[in-house]
């Protein structure tokens, strides 16, 4: 992955909120591999091309299954696919690495302002990913898609993050790599730093 530096555009920020997959950690290849295996388990290999996967980054698994069903005319069970995909992903955790530029900002701000992970993944996946990388204690809170009514691009996960640390949304800065996440953070009224990982952001 290319090296780059990121800057926080808001000098008076009071909290930092990090998306996990593709932002704080380079986990997207492991997630795509897990998707492929989960769909093979359902007898549907090849129905989720890699470019479509990256375009849908940040959205909860069940939402993605609904899109696949609609576009491919399938009737995949969202809960079955989600369970299978999670199982395969957790087997692939050894493939996951920190994204240096984002990890550096988190580490530098640790203990200075509240840090939160706000992710489209399940809480179990988020917590195990942080544990494997040895960074669980960096963060004051974790908010996952299964803890809010609506996943990204709705602002729910970011608003919940701000609520838990009792910081106004306008005082938070979000780090995101996916279009859906950037839209969610903006809808929450937060400043956003776009992380140029797998997506070419407009």
C-alpha atoms as a PDB file:
ATOM      1  CA  UNK A   1       0.000   0.000   0.000  1.00  0.00           C
ATOM      2  CA  UNK A   2       1.277   3.481  -0.857  1.00  0.00           C
ATOM      3  CA  UNK A   3       2.634   5.601   1.980  1.00  0.00           C
ATOM      4  CA  UNK A   4       1.024   8.957   2.656  1.00  0.00           C
ATOM      5  CA  UNK A   5       0.463  11.411   5.494  1.00  0.00           C
ATOM      6  CA  UNK A   6      -2.881  12.683   6.717  1.00  0.00           C
ATOM      7  CA  UNK A   7      -3.667  15.938   8.450  1.00  0.00           C
ATOM      8  CA  UNK A   8      -6.584  16.796  10.703  1.00  0.00           C
ATOM      9  CA  UNK A   9      -8.324  19.816   9.084  1.00  0.00           C
ATOM     10  CA  UNK A  10     -10.036  21.019  12.274  1.00  0.00           C
ATOM     11  CA  UNK A  11      -7.518  22.351  14.834  1.00  0.00           C
ATOM     12  CA  UNK A  12     -10.007  22.502  17.718  1.00  0.00           C
ATOM     13  CA  UNK A  13     -11.331  18.933  17.409  1.00  0.00           C
ATOM     14  CA  UNK A  14     -12.517  17.258  20.617  1.00  0.00           C
ATOM     15  CA  UNK A  15     -12.822  13.646  19.409  1.00  0.00           C
ATOM     16  CA  UNK A  16     -11.658  11.419  16.561  1.00  0.00           C
ATOM     17  CA  UNK A  17     -13.850   8.708  15.070  1.00  0.00           C
ATOM     18  CA  UNK A  18     -12.367   6.009  12.847  1.00  0.00           C
ATOM     19  CA  UNK A  19     -13.987   3.695  10.376  1.00  0.00           C
ATOM     20  CA  UNK A  20     -12.255   0.325  10.678  1.00  0.00           C
ATOM     21  CA  UNK A  21     -12.114  -1.573   7.392  1.00  0.00           C
ATOM     22  CA  UNK A  22     -10.051   0.148   4.713  1.00  0.00           C
ATOM     23  CA  UNK A  23      -9.417   3.136   6.998  1.00  0.00           C
ATOM     24  CA  UNK A  24      -7.705   2.119  10.223  1.00  0.00           C
ATOM     25  CA  UNK A  25      -6.868  -1.396   9.041  1.00  0.00           C
ATOM     26  CA  UNK A  26      -6.162  -2.886   5.630  1.00  0.00           C
ATOM     27  CA  UNK A  27      -8.781  -5.600   5.940  1.00  0.00           C
ATOM     28  CA  UNK A  28     -10.644  -5.218   2.664  1.00  0.00           C
ATOM     29  CA  UNK A  29      -8.783  -8.051   0.858  1.00  0.00           C
ATOM     30  CA  UNK A  30      -9.627 -10.371   3.777  1.00  0.00           C
ATOM     31  CA  UNK A  31     -13.273  -9.248   3.656  1.00  0.00           C
ATOM     32  CA  UNK A  32     -13.479  -9.823  -0.104  1.00  0.00           C
ATOM     33  CA  UNK A  33     -11.989 -13.301   0.281  1.00  0.00           C
ATOM     34  CA  UNK A  34     -14.583 -14.026   2.985  1.00  0.00           C
ATOM     35  CA  UNK A  35     -17.408 -12.787   0.730  1.00  0.00           C
ATOM     36  CA  UNK A  36     -16.252 -15.077  -2.078  1.00  0.00           C
ATOM     37  CA  UNK A  37     -16.169 -18.087   0.249  1.00  0.00           C
ATOM     38  CA  UNK A  38     -19.564 -17.254   1.778  1.00  0.00           C
ATOM     39  CA  UNK A  39     -21.195 -16.949  -1.642  1.00  0.00           C
ATOM     40  CA  UNK A  40     -19.532 -20.189  -2.780  1.00  0.00           C
ATOM     41  CA  UNK A  41     -21.100 -21.826   0.291  1.00  0.00           C
ATOM     42  CA  UNK A  42     -24.466 -20.716  -1.115  1.00  0.00           C
ATOM     43  CA  UNK A  43     -23.664 -22.120  -4.561  1.00  0.00           C
ATOM     44  CA  UNK A  44     -23.303 -18.625  -6.035  1.00  0.00           C
ATOM     45  CA  UNK A  45     -19.647 -18.018  -6.921  1.00  0.00           C
ATOM     46  CA  UNK A  46     -18.830 -14.962  -8.998  1.00  0.00           C
ATOM     47  CA  UNK A  47     -21.995 -12.963  -8.252  1.00  0.00           C
ATOM     48  CA  UNK A  48     -20.107 -10.247  -6.331  1.00  0.00           C
ATOM     49  CA  UNK A  49     -17.263  -8.832  -8.473  1.00  0.00           C
ATOM     50  CA  UNK A  50     -14.374  -7.118  -6.693  1.00  0.00           C
ATOM     51  CA  UNK A  51     -15.128  -3.662  -8.119  1.00  0.00           C
ATOM     52  CA  UNK A  52     -18.717  -3.871  -6.834  1.00  0.00           C
ATOM     53  CA  UNK A  53     -17.423  -5.016  -3.435  1.00  0.00           C
ATOM     54  CA  UNK A  54     -15.182  -1.956  -3.097  1.00  0.00           C
ATOM     55  CA  UNK A  55     -17.927   0.372  -4.325  1.00  0.00           C
ATOM     56  CA  UNK A  56     -20.144  -0.901  -1.493  1.00  0.00           C
ATOM     57  CA  UNK A  57     -17.476  -0.543   1.188  1.00  0.00           C
ATOM     58  CA  UNK A  58     -18.740   0.351   4.652  1.00  0.00           C
ATOM     59  CA  UNK A  59     -22.247  -1.024   4.238  1.00  0.00           C
ATOM     60  CA  UNK A  60     -23.490  -3.805   6.545  1.00  0.00           C
ATOM     61  CA  UNK A  61     -23.387  -7.375   5.231  1.00  0.00           C
ATOM     62  CA  UNK A  62     -27.165  -7.790   5.257  1.00  0.00           C
ATOM     63  CA  UNK A  63     -27.644  -4.624   3.191  1.00  0.00           C
ATOM     64  CA  UNK A  64     -25.139  -5.902   0.639  1.00  0.00           C
ATOM     65  CA  UNK A  65     -26.937  -9.269   0.408  1.00  0.00           C
ATOM     66  CA  UNK A  66     -30.176  -7.414  -0.357  1.00  0.00           C
ATOM     67  CA  UNK A  67     -28.435  -5.529  -3.177  1.00  0.00           C
ATOM     68  CA  UNK A  68     -26.948  -8.765  -4.582  1.00  0.00           C
ATOM     69  CA  UNK A  69     -30.385 -10.401  -4.453  1.00  0.00           C
ATOM     70  CA  UNK A  70     -31.963  -7.465  -6.266  1.00  0.00           C
ATOM     71  CA  UNK A  71     -29.285  -7.152  -8.949  1.00  0.00           C
ATOM     72  CA  UNK A  72     -28.801 -10.885  -9.559  1.00  0.00           C
ATOM     73  CA  UNK A  73     -32.404 -12.044  -9.090  1.00  0.00           C
ATOM     74  CA  UNK A  74     -31.372 -14.308  -6.209  1.00  0.00           C
ATOM     75  CA  UNK A  75     -33.000 -15.189  -2.896  1.00  0.00           C
ATOM     76  CA  UNK A  76     -29.981 -15.534  -0.634  1.00  0.00           C
ATOM     77  CA  UNK A  77     -30.739 -15.671   3.081  1.00  0.00           C
ATOM     78  CA  UNK A  78     -29.049 -12.572   4.522  1.00  0.00           C
ATOM     79  CA  UNK A  79     -28.526 -14.101   7.971  1.00  0.00           C
ATOM     80  CA  UNK A  80     -26.958 -17.269   6.547  1.00  0.00           C
ATOM     81  CA  UNK A  81     -24.620 -15.314   4.286  1.00  0.00           C
ATOM     82  CA  UNK A  82     -23.687 -12.909   7.099  1.00  0.00           C
ATOM     83  CA  UNK A  83     -22.880 -15.784   9.464  1.00  0.00           C
ATOM     84  CA  UNK A  84     -20.815 -17.612   6.845  1.00  0.00           C
ATOM     85  CA  UNK A  85     -19.007 -14.447   5.776  1.00  0.00           C
ATOM     86  CA  UNK A  86     -18.121 -13.582   9.380  1.00  0.00           C
ATOM     87  CA  UNK A  87     -16.795 -17.104   9.994  1.00  0.00           C
ATOM     88  CA  UNK A  88     -14.572 -16.962   6.897  1.00  0.00           C
ATOM     89  CA  UNK A  89     -13.352 -13.447   7.736  1.00  0.00           C
ATOM     90  CA  UNK A  90     -12.322 -14.412  11.263  1.00  0.00           C
ATOM     91  CA  UNK A  91     -10.234 -17.237   9.741  1.00  0.00           C
ATOM     92  CA  UNK A  92      -8.456 -14.593   7.629  1.00  0.00           C
ATOM     93  CA  UNK A  93      -7.540 -12.187  10.455  1.00  0.00           C
ATOM     94  CA  UNK A  94      -3.840 -12.938   9.980  1.00  0.00           C
ATOM     95  CA  UNK A  95      -4.078 -11.071   6.640  1.00  0.00           C
ATOM     96  CA  UNK A  96      -5.144  -7.813   8.319  1.00  0.00           C
ATOM     97  CA  UNK A  97      -2.622  -4.999   8.874  1.00  0.00           C
ATOM     98  CA  UNK A  98      -2.750  -1.473  10.283  1.00  0.00           C
ATOM     99  CA  UNK A  99      -2.806   1.402   7.788  1.00  0.00           C
ATOM    100  CA  UNK A 100       0.241   3.389   8.958  1.00  0.00           C
ATOM    101  CA  UNK A 101      -0.913   6.973   8.317  1.00  0.00           C
ATOM    102  CA  UNK A 102      -4.207   6.485  10.150  1.00  0.00           C
ATOM    103  CA  UNK A 103      -2.741   4.383  12.958  1.00  0.00           C
ATOM    104  CA  UNK A 104      -0.149   7.121  13.533  1.00  0.00           C
ATOM    105  CA  UNK A 105      -2.875   9.731  14.093  1.00  0.00           C
ATOM    106  CA  UNK A 106      -4.774   7.420  16.434  1.00  0.00           C
ATOM    107  CA  UNK A 107      -1.648   6.637  18.435  1.00  0.00           C
ATOM    108  CA  UNK A 108      -0.607  10.302  18.661  1.00  0.00           C
ATOM    109  CA  UNK A 109      -4.057  11.314  19.960  1.00  0.00           C
ATOM    110  CA  UNK A 110      -4.513   8.370  22.313  1.00  0.00           C
ATOM    111  CA  UNK A 111      -5.246   9.657  25.815  1.00  0.00           C
ATOM    112  CA  UNK A 112      -5.539  13.260  24.582  1.00  0.00           C
ATOM    113  CA  UNK A 113      -9.056  13.186  23.137  1.00  0.00           C
ATOM    114  CA  UNK A 114     -11.668  10.407  23.007  1.00  0.00           C
ATOM    115  CA  UNK A 115     -11.113   7.923  20.161  1.00  0.00           C
ATOM    116  CA  UNK A 116     -13.936   5.786  18.776  1.00  0.00           C
ATOM    117  CA  UNK A 117     -14.166   3.062  16.136  1.00  0.00           C
ATOM    118  CA  UNK A 118     -17.461   3.322  14.203  1.00  0.00           C
ATOM    119  CA  UNK A 119     -17.787   0.440  11.772  1.00  0.00           C
ATOM    120  CA  UNK A 120     -20.171  -1.208   9.351  1.00  0.00           C
ATOM    121  CA  UNK A 121     -18.942  -4.587  10.604  1.00  0.00           C
ATOM    122  CA  UNK A 122     -20.416  -6.516  13.531  1.00  0.00           C
ATOM    123  CA  UNK A 123     -19.129  -5.843  17.038  1.00  0.00           C
ATOM    124  CA  UNK A 124     -17.516  -9.288  17.236  1.00  0.00           C
ATOM    125  CA  UNK A 125     -15.550  -8.682  14.032  1.00  0.00           C
ATOM    126  CA  UNK A 126     -14.465  -5.194  15.136  1.00  0.00           C
ATOM    127  CA  UNK A 127     -13.344  -6.320  18.580  1.00  0.00           C
ATOM    128  CA  UNK A 128     -11.448  -9.371  17.307  1.00  0.00           C
ATOM    129  CA  UNK A 129      -9.719  -7.285  14.629  1.00  0.00           C
ATOM    130  CA  UNK A 130      -8.573  -4.732  17.215  1.00  0.00           C
ATOM    131  CA  UNK A 131      -7.445  -7.527  19.552  1.00  0.00           C
ATOM    132  CA  UNK A 132      -5.378  -9.290  16.878  1.00  0.00           C
ATOM    133  CA  UNK A 133      -3.608  -6.009  16.093  1.00  0.00           C
ATOM    134  CA  UNK A 134      -3.075  -5.214  19.786  1.00  0.00           C
ATOM    135  CA  UNK A 135      -4.827  -1.832  19.687  1.00  0.00           C
ATOM    136  CA  UNK A 136      -8.060  -2.451  21.616  1.00  0.00           C
ATOM    137  CA  UNK A 137      -6.923  -0.179  24.449  1.00  0.00           C
ATOM    138  CA  UNK A 138      -6.426   2.779  22.115  1.00  0.00           C
ATOM    139  CA  UNK A 139     -10.176   3.361  21.859  1.00  0.00           C
ATOM    140  CA  UNK A 140     -12.720   4.688  24.336  1.00  0.00           C
ATOM    141  CA  UNK A 141     -15.707   3.213  22.500  1.00  0.00           C
ATOM    142  CA  UNK A 142     -16.604   0.863  19.663  1.00  0.00           C
ATOM    143  CA  UNK A 143     -19.865   1.286  17.735  1.00  0.00           C
ATOM    144  CA  UNK A 144     -20.866  -1.345  15.183  1.00  0.00           C
ATOM    145  CA  UNK A 145     -23.607  -1.528  12.572  1.00  0.00           C
ATOM    146  CA  UNK A 146     -25.575  -4.057  14.624  1.00  0.00           C
ATOM    147  CA  UNK A 147     -25.974  -1.488  17.433  1.00  0.00           C
ATOM    148  CA  UNK A 148     -27.785   1.195  15.404  1.00  0.00           C
ATOM    149  CA  UNK A 149     -31.043   1.208  13.391  1.00  0.00           C
ATOM    150  CA  UNK A 150     -29.483   2.081  10.020  1.00  0.00           C
ATOM    151  CA  UNK A 151     -26.075   1.364   8.526  1.00  0.00           C
ATOM    152  CA  UNK A 152     -23.967   3.763   6.466  1.00  0.00           C
ATOM    153  CA  UNK A 153     -24.689   5.936   4.449  1.00  0.00           C
ATOM    154  CA  UNK A 154     -27.163   6.835   7.230  1.00  0.00           C
ATOM    155  CA  UNK A 155     -25.395   8.859   9.954  1.00  0.00           C
ATOM    156  CA  UNK A 156     -26.553   6.616  12.836  1.00  0.00           C
ATOM    157  CA  UNK A 157     -23.236   4.946  13.670  1.00  0.00           C
ATOM    158  CA  UNK A 158     -21.396   8.285  13.874  1.00  0.00           C
ATOM    159  CA  UNK A 159     -24.135  10.006  15.867  1.00  0.00           C
ATOM    160  CA  UNK A 160     -24.130   7.086  18.308  1.00  0.00           C
ATOM    161  CA  UNK A 161     -20.341   7.368  18.615  1.00  0.00           C
ATOM    162  CA  UNK A 162     -20.587  11.070  19.493  1.00  0.00           C
ATOM    163  CA  UNK A 163     -23.409  10.394  21.944  1.00  0.00           C
ATOM    164  CA  UNK A 164     -21.454   7.733  23.831  1.00  0.00           C
ATOM    165  CA  UNK A 165     -18.470  10.002  24.409  1.00  0.00           C
ATOM    166  CA  UNK A 166     -20.742  13.021  25.032  1.00  0.00           C
ATOM    167  CA  UNK A 167     -19.112  15.194  22.367  1.00  0.00           C
ATOM    168  CA  UNK A 168     -21.140  17.334  19.947  1.00  0.00           C
ATOM    169  CA  UNK A 169     -21.040  15.993  16.368  1.00  0.00           C
ATOM    170  CA  UNK A 170     -19.576  19.258  15.049  1.00  0.00           C
ATOM    171  CA  UNK A 171     -16.574  18.798  17.374  1.00  0.00           C
ATOM    172  CA  UNK A 172     -15.746  15.345  15.960  1.00  0.00           C
ATOM    173  CA  UNK A 173     -13.480  14.477  13.040  1.00  0.00           C
ATOM    174  CA  UNK A 174     -14.141  11.239  11.145  1.00  0.00           C
ATOM    175  CA  UNK A 175     -11.605   9.194   9.166  1.00  0.00           C
ATOM    176  CA  UNK A 176     -13.253   7.260   6.320  1.00  0.00           C
ATOM    177  CA  UNK A 177     -12.282   5.565   3.065  1.00  0.00           C
ATOM    178  CA  UNK A 178     -15.683   4.678   1.582  1.00  0.00           C
ATOM    179  CA  UNK A 179     -18.176   6.936  -0.155  1.00  0.00           C
ATOM    180  CA  UNK A 180     -21.023   5.594   1.991  1.00  0.00           C
ATOM    181  CA  UNK A 181     -19.058   6.368   5.161  1.00  0.00           C
ATOM    182  CA  UNK A 182     -18.068   9.839   4.013  1.00  0.00           C
ATOM    183  CA  UNK A 183     -21.733  10.569   3.223  1.00  0.00           C
ATOM    184  CA  UNK A 184     -22.725   9.237   6.658  1.00  0.00           C
ATOM    185  CA  UNK A 185     -20.196  11.420   8.480  1.00  0.00           C
ATOM    186  CA  UNK A 186     -21.245  14.528   6.559  1.00  0.00           C
ATOM    187  CA  UNK A 187     -24.900  13.756   7.287  1.00  0.00           C
ATOM    188  CA  UNK A 188     -23.945  13.589  10.977  1.00  0.00           C
ATOM    189  CA  UNK A 189     -22.519  17.117  10.723  1.00  0.00           C
ATOM    190  CA  UNK A 190     -18.923  16.012  11.221  1.00  0.00           C
ATOM    191  CA  UNK A 191     -15.669  17.003   9.530  1.00  0.00           C
ATOM    192  CA  UNK A 192     -14.314  14.157   7.388  1.00  0.00           C
ATOM    193  CA  UNK A 193     -10.796  13.118   6.418  1.00  0.00           C
ATOM    194  CA  UNK A 194     -10.945  10.952   3.272  1.00  0.00           C
ATOM    195  CA  UNK A 195      -8.419   8.125   3.499  1.00  0.00           C
ATOM    196  CA  UNK A 196      -7.104   7.231   0.011  1.00  0.00           C
ATOM    197  CA  UNK A 197      -6.820   3.473   0.365  1.00  0.00           C
ATOM    198  CA  UNK A 198      -8.641   1.189  -2.075  1.00  0.00           C
ATOM    199  CA  UNK A 199     -11.091   3.728  -3.467  1.00  0.00           C
ATOM    200  CA  UNK A 200     -10.530   6.635  -5.794  1.00  0.00           C
ATOM    201  CA  UNK A 201     -12.515   9.322  -4.033  1.00  0.00           C
ATOM    202  CA  UNK A 202     -14.133  12.182  -5.911  1.00  0.00           C
END
